[in-house]
Amino acid sequence: HFIPLKELYDSFSLEERNHYNKLWMAAGRRESPVHPLVYKHPFRDEETMLFHCGRPFVSGWYCDDTDNNDNAAMVVNGVDTSKMIHPSVIQDQLTNKIESKLDEIGIRMKWEEGDFMISDNLGLAHFASEGTQGRSDSVGLRVLHRTTVVGGRETIPSKLDGRKSFTL
C-alpha cells in the first residue's frame, strides 16, 4: 500500500497536527537518528511527515521540550530525550489514520509480475498489506529490489522552525 504523507497530514484536525508536530521519531538502527515526524519536504517546500511504518525500525518517540525541562543535558535540539514514548503508541495512531484514509487518498497496490515503481521516500508511506509477510511456502515468494539514492545535506529532515534531525 502507498499513501502520500502531505495529504495524510492535511487531513488531520488542527489539534492532531499540533500533537504530531511536537513528535520526533527515534529510528532503531545505525547511530540512532532522531527525525521530526512533521518536516518540510526538501524539494516541494511543503509540510509532510516522515516515519517508518514497520515496527522494528522505530525504537520510540520523543516530544518537544514544552515544559522547559530542568535537566538541560537531556534536551537536544529542543527535544526532551529523557522521556521516550513506546513506539507502538504513536505507530498505532498513525496506522489507524492511514487505514482510515487509504481508500480516499492512497493506493492498494496489487502487484503483478513485471511491475516497477519509483517512489519519493521523502513524502510517501509504503507498507506491506496484511498477509504478505509470511513464509514464502505459504504466501508465495516476494522479491523486492531496492535502490536508494542518498541525497546531500538538503535532504536532512528539517522542521519549519529550522531544527534538523540529529543523532544521540
C-alpha atoms as a PDB file:
ATOM      1  CA  HIS A   1       0.000   0.000   0.000  1.00  0.00           C
ATOM      2  CA  PHE A   2       1.065   3.599  -0.591  1.00  0.00           C
ATOM      3  CA  ILE A   3      -0.219   6.831   0.897  1.00  0.00           C
ATOM      4  CA  PRO A   4       1.013  10.392   0.299  1.00  0.00           C
ATOM      5  CA  LEU A   5       2.052  11.847   3.647  1.00  0.00           C
ATOM      6  CA  LYS A   6       1.364  15.520   2.873  1.00  0.00           C
ATOM      7  CA  GLU A   7      -2.239  14.685   2.056  1.00  0.00           C
ATOM      8  CA  LEU A   8      -2.486  12.460   5.133  1.00  0.00           C
ATOM      9  CA  TYR A   9      -1.154  15.287   7.334  1.00  0.00           C
ATOM     10  CA  ASP A  10      -3.505  17.790   5.685  1.00  0.00           C
ATOM     11  CA  SER A  11      -6.456  15.522   6.541  1.00  0.00           C
ATOM     12  CA  PHE A  12      -5.777  15.826  10.292  1.00  0.00           C
ATOM     13  CA  SER A  13      -7.603  18.261  12.535  1.00  0.00           C
ATOM     14  CA  LEU A  14      -5.654  21.264  13.850  1.00  0.00           C
ATOM     15  CA  GLU A  15      -5.443  19.558  17.254  1.00  0.00           C
ATOM     16  CA  GLU A  16      -3.970  16.406  15.672  1.00  0.00           C
ATOM     17  CA  ARG A  17      -1.484  18.432  13.617  1.00  0.00           C
ATOM     18  CA  ASN A  18      -0.338  20.272  16.751  1.00  0.00           C
ATOM     19  CA  HIS A  19       0.109  16.922  18.523  1.00  0.00           C
ATOM     20  CA  TYR A  20       2.115  15.315  15.719  1.00  0.00           C
ATOM     21  CA  ASN A  21       4.169  18.448  15.071  1.00  0.00           C
ATOM     22  CA  LYS A  22       5.793  18.057  18.518  1.00  0.00           C
ATOM     23  CA  LEU A  23       6.952  14.467  17.953  1.00  0.00           C
ATOM     24  CA  TRP A  24      10.304  13.082  16.845  1.00  0.00           C
ATOM     25  CA  MET A  25      10.904   9.500  15.670  1.00  0.00           C
ATOM     26  CA  ALA A  26      13.907   7.635  17.055  1.00  0.00           C
ATOM     27  CA  ALA A  27      14.991   5.169  14.399  1.00  0.00           C
ATOM     28  CA  GLY A  28      16.109   1.890  15.876  1.00  0.00           C
ATOM     29  CA  ARG A  29      19.234   1.378  13.818  1.00  0.00           C
ATOM     30  CA  ARG A  30      22.632   2.786  12.899  1.00  0.00           C
ATOM     31  CA  GLU A  31      23.620   5.731  15.085  1.00  0.00           C
ATOM     32  CA  SER A  32      20.049   6.219  16.296  1.00  0.00           C
ATOM     33  CA  PRO A  33      18.964   9.127  14.124  1.00  0.00           C
ATOM     34  CA  VAL A  34      16.071  11.151  15.524  1.00  0.00           C
ATOM     35  CA  HIS A  35      13.838  12.695  12.854  1.00  0.00           C
ATOM     36  CA  PRO A  36      10.974  15.168  13.158  1.00  0.00           C
ATOM     37  CA  LEU A  37       7.654  13.466  12.454  1.00  0.00           C
ATOM     38  CA  VAL A  38       6.446  16.615  10.664  1.00  0.00           C
ATOM     39  CA  TYR A  39       9.031  18.309   8.475  1.00  0.00           C
ATOM     40  CA  LYS A  40       9.480  20.451   5.378  1.00  0.00           C
ATOM     41  CA  HIS A  41       9.899  18.404   2.196  1.00  0.00           C
ATOM     42  CA  PRO A  42      13.310  19.447   0.843  1.00  0.00           C
ATOM     43  CA  PHE A  43      12.212  19.921  -2.757  1.00  0.00           C
ATOM     44  CA  ARG A  44       8.480  20.643  -2.673  1.00  0.00           C
ATOM     45  CA  ASP A  45       8.730  23.125   0.232  1.00  0.00           C
ATOM     46  CA  GLU A  46       5.610  21.803   1.966  1.00  0.00           C
ATOM     47  CA  GLU A  47       4.872  20.256   5.336  1.00  0.00           C
ATOM     48  CA  THR A  48       4.749  16.497   5.229  1.00  0.00           C
ATOM     49  CA  MET A  49       5.535  13.586   7.518  1.00  0.00           C
ATOM     50  CA  LEU A  50       8.436  11.190   7.943  1.00  0.00           C
ATOM     51  CA  PHE A  51       8.190   7.881   9.768  1.00  0.00           C
ATOM     52  CA  HIS A  52       8.796   4.164   9.402  1.00  0.00           C
ATOM     53  CA  CYS A  53       5.654   2.081   9.098  1.00  0.00           C
ATOM     54  CA  GLY A  54       7.456  -1.081  10.212  1.00  0.00           C
ATOM     55  CA  ARG A  55       7.629  -1.706  13.952  1.00  0.00           C
ATOM     56  CA  PRO A  56      11.203  -2.986  14.092  1.00  0.00           C
ATOM     57  CA  PHE A  57      12.556   0.250  12.610  1.00  0.00           C
ATOM     58  CA  VAL A  58      11.349   2.615  15.346  1.00  0.00           C
ATOM     59  CA  SER A  59      12.744   2.443  18.858  1.00  0.00           C
ATOM     60  CA  GLY A  60      10.422   5.144  20.222  1.00  0.00           C
ATOM     61  CA  TRP A  61       9.221   8.721  20.023  1.00  0.00           C
ATOM     62  CA  TYR A  62      10.380  11.902  21.728  1.00  0.00           C
ATOM     63  CA  CYS A  63       8.477  15.146  22.215  1.00  0.00           C
ATOM     64  CA  ASP A  64       9.481  18.787  22.070  1.00  0.00           C
ATOM     65  CA  ASP A  65      10.554  20.161  25.439  1.00  0.00           C
ATOM     66  CA  THR A  66       7.472  22.234  26.204  1.00  0.00           C
ATOM     67  CA  ASP A  67       7.989  22.095  29.977  1.00  0.00           C
ATOM     68  CA  ASN A  68      11.405  23.783  29.940  1.00  0.00           C
ATOM     69  CA  ASN A  69      12.988  20.639  31.331  1.00  0.00           C
ATOM     70  CA  ASP A  70      15.270  21.330  34.295  1.00  0.00           C
ATOM     71  CA  ASN A  71      17.676  18.659  33.102  1.00  0.00           C
ATOM     72  CA  ALA A  72      19.230  20.622  30.228  1.00  0.00           C
ATOM     73  CA  ALA A  73      21.592  17.734  29.472  1.00  0.00           C
ATOM     74  CA  MET A  74      18.582  15.699  28.309  1.00  0.00           C
ATOM     75  CA  VAL A  75      17.288  18.390  25.932  1.00  0.00           C
ATOM     76  CA  VAL A  76      18.777  18.071  22.464  1.00  0.00           C
ATOM     77  CA  ASN A  77      17.709  20.386  19.669  1.00  0.00           C
ATOM     78  CA  GLY A  78      14.735  21.484  21.760  1.00  0.00           C
ATOM     79  CA  VAL A  79      13.631  17.853  22.200  1.00  0.00           C
ATOM     80  CA  ASP A  80      13.242  16.214  25.618  1.00  0.00           C
ATOM     81  CA  THR A  81      15.200  12.971  25.244  1.00  0.00           C
ATOM     82  CA  SER A  82      14.664  11.971  28.886  1.00  0.00           C
ATOM     83  CA  LYS A  83      11.202  10.543  28.170  1.00  0.00           C
ATOM     84  CA  MET A  84      10.718   8.110  25.323  1.00  0.00           C
ATOM     85  CA  ILE A  85       7.205   7.218  24.199  1.00  0.00           C
ATOM     86  CA  HIS A  86       6.837   3.498  23.388  1.00  0.00           C
ATOM     87  CA  PRO A  87       6.909   3.035  19.592  1.00  0.00           C
ATOM     88  CA  SER A  88       3.520   1.309  19.374  1.00  0.00           C
ATOM     89  CA  VAL A  89       1.650   4.266  20.936  1.00  0.00           C
ATOM     90  CA  ILE A  90       2.291   6.636  18.031  1.00  0.00           C
ATOM     91  CA  GLN A  91       2.616   3.945  15.356  1.00  0.00           C
ATOM     92  CA  ASP A  92      -0.836   2.590  16.236  1.00  0.00           C
ATOM     93  CA  GLN A  93      -2.285   6.106  15.943  1.00  0.00           C
ATOM     94  CA  LEU A  94      -0.615   6.641  12.567  1.00  0.00           C
ATOM     95  CA  THR A  95      -1.588   3.187  11.302  1.00  0.00           C
ATOM     96  CA  ASN A  96      -5.233   3.848  12.214  1.00  0.00           C
ATOM     97  CA  LYS A  97      -5.080   7.207  10.402  1.00  0.00           C
ATOM     98  CA  ILE A  98      -3.535   5.592   7.325  1.00  0.00           C
ATOM     99  CA  GLU A  99      -6.124   2.811   7.246  1.00  0.00           C
ATOM    100  CA  SER A 100      -8.974   5.298   7.605  1.00  0.00           C
ATOM    101  CA  LYS A 101      -7.711   7.371   4.634  1.00  0.00           C
ATOM    102  CA  LEU A 102      -6.162   4.705   2.402  1.00  0.00           C
ATOM    103  CA  ASP A 103      -9.122   4.275   0.042  1.00  0.00           C
ATOM    104  CA  GLU A 104      -9.618   8.050  -0.184  1.00  0.00           C
ATOM    105  CA  ILE A 105      -6.051   9.229  -0.870  1.00  0.00           C
ATOM    106  CA  GLY A 106      -3.872   6.099  -1.119  1.00  0.00           C
ATOM    107  CA  ILE A 107      -3.291   3.117  -3.363  1.00  0.00           C
ATOM    108  CA  ARG A 108      -3.856  -0.526  -2.556  1.00  0.00           C
ATOM    109  CA  MET A 109      -1.339  -1.921  -4.991  1.00  0.00           C
ATOM    110  CA  LYS A 110      -1.968  -5.342  -6.436  1.00  0.00           C
ATOM    111  CA  TRP A 111       1.469  -6.217  -7.732  1.00  0.00           C
ATOM    112  CA  GLU A 112       1.865  -8.300 -10.844  1.00  0.00           C
ATOM    113  CA  GLU A 113       4.964  -9.763 -12.407  1.00  0.00           C
ATOM    114  CA  GLY A 114       6.951  -7.040 -14.150  1.00  0.00           C
ATOM    115  CA  ASP A 115       5.520  -4.145 -12.126  1.00  0.00           C
ATOM    116  CA  PHE A 116       8.020  -1.374 -11.465  1.00  0.00           C
ATOM    117  CA  MET A 117       7.809   1.632  -9.179  1.00  0.00           C
ATOM    118  CA  ILE A 118       9.869   4.698  -8.402  1.00  0.00           C
ATOM    119  CA  SER A 119       8.727   6.496  -5.264  1.00  0.00           C
ATOM    120  CA  ASP A 120       9.572   9.625  -3.319  1.00  0.00           C
ATOM    121  CA  ASN A 121      10.596   8.122   0.015  1.00  0.00           C
ATOM    122  CA  LEU A 122      10.649  11.639   1.478  1.00  0.00           C
ATOM    123  CA  GLY A 123       6.879  12.015   1.238  1.00  0.00           C
ATOM    124  CA  LEU A 124       5.221   8.674   0.570  1.00  0.00           C
ATOM    125  CA  ALA A 125       4.495   5.927   3.084  1.00  0.00           C
ATOM    126  CA  HIS A 126       4.732   2.398   1.791  1.00  0.00           C
ATOM    127  CA  PHE A 127       3.839  -0.718   3.712  1.00  0.00           C
ATOM    128  CA  ALA A 128       3.051  -4.334   3.005  1.00  0.00           C
ATOM    129  CA  SER A 129      -0.550  -5.431   3.001  1.00  0.00           C
ATOM    130  CA  GLU A 130      -1.696  -7.874   5.639  1.00  0.00           C
ATOM    131  CA  GLY A 131      -0.807 -11.487   4.942  1.00  0.00           C
ATOM    132  CA  THR A 132       2.077 -10.784   2.563  1.00  0.00           C
ATOM    133  CA  GLN A 133       4.917 -11.070   5.062  1.00  0.00           C
ATOM    134  CA  GLY A 134       4.556 -14.726   5.953  1.00  0.00           C
ATOM    135  CA  ARG A 135       6.742 -17.623   4.944  1.00  0.00           C
ATOM    136  CA  SER A 136       7.237 -17.963   1.192  1.00  0.00           C
ATOM    137  CA  ASP A 137       5.844 -21.516   1.192  1.00  0.00           C
ATOM    138  CA  SER A 138       2.504 -20.149   2.434  1.00  0.00           C
ATOM    139  CA  VAL A 139       2.238 -16.676   0.826  1.00  0.00           C
ATOM    140  CA  GLY A 140       4.479 -17.087  -2.200  1.00  0.00           C
ATOM    141  CA  LEU A 141       7.853 -15.631  -2.964  1.00  0.00           C
ATOM    142  CA  ARG A 142       8.097 -11.851  -2.895  1.00  0.00           C
ATOM    143  CA  VAL A 143      11.218 -10.335  -4.419  1.00  0.00           C
ATOM    144  CA  LEU A 144      11.958  -6.666  -3.947  1.00  0.00           C
ATOM    145  CA  HIS A 145      14.968  -4.955  -5.435  1.00  0.00           C
ATOM    146  CA  ARG A 146      15.571  -1.609  -3.781  1.00  0.00           C
ATOM    147  CA  THR A 147      17.943   1.100  -4.882  1.00  0.00           C
ATOM    148  CA  THR A 148      18.360   4.132  -2.668  1.00  0.00           C
ATOM    149  CA  VAL A 149      19.840   7.384  -3.898  1.00  0.00           C
ATOM    150  CA  VAL A 150      21.288   9.231  -0.937  1.00  0.00           C
ATOM    151  CA  GLY A 151      20.870  12.984  -1.141  1.00  0.00           C
ATOM    152  CA  GLY A 152      23.078  15.697   0.221  1.00  0.00           C
ATOM    153  CA  ARG A 153      22.627  17.999   3.203  1.00  0.00           C
ATOM    154  CA  GLU A 154      19.454  19.400   1.668  1.00  0.00           C
ATOM    155  CA  THR A 155      17.675  16.101   2.295  1.00  0.00           C
ATOM    156  CA  ILE A 156      18.350  16.051   6.057  1.00  0.00           C
ATOM    157  CA  PRO A 157      14.831  16.404   7.510  1.00  0.00           C
ATOM    158  CA  SER A 158      14.196  19.916   8.817  1.00  0.00           C
ATOM    159  CA  LYS A 159      11.203  21.345  10.645  1.00  0.00           C
ATOM    160  CA  LEU A 160       9.704  24.646   9.541  1.00  0.00           C
ATOM    161  CA  ASP A 161      11.459  26.284  12.512  1.00  0.00           C
ATOM    162  CA  GLY A 162      14.828  25.122  11.132  1.00  0.00           C
ATOM    163  CA  ARG A 163      15.583  22.315  13.608  1.00  0.00           C
ATOM    164  CA  LYS A 164      17.010  19.275  11.854  1.00  0.00           C
ATOM    165  CA  SER A 165      17.326  15.557  12.514  1.00  0.00           C
ATOM    166  CA  PHE A 166      20.066  14.659  14.959  1.00  0.00           C
ATOM    167  CA  THR A 167      21.748  11.601  16.441  1.00  0.00           C
ATOM    168  CA  LEU A 168      22.020  10.545  20.061  1.00  0.00           C
END
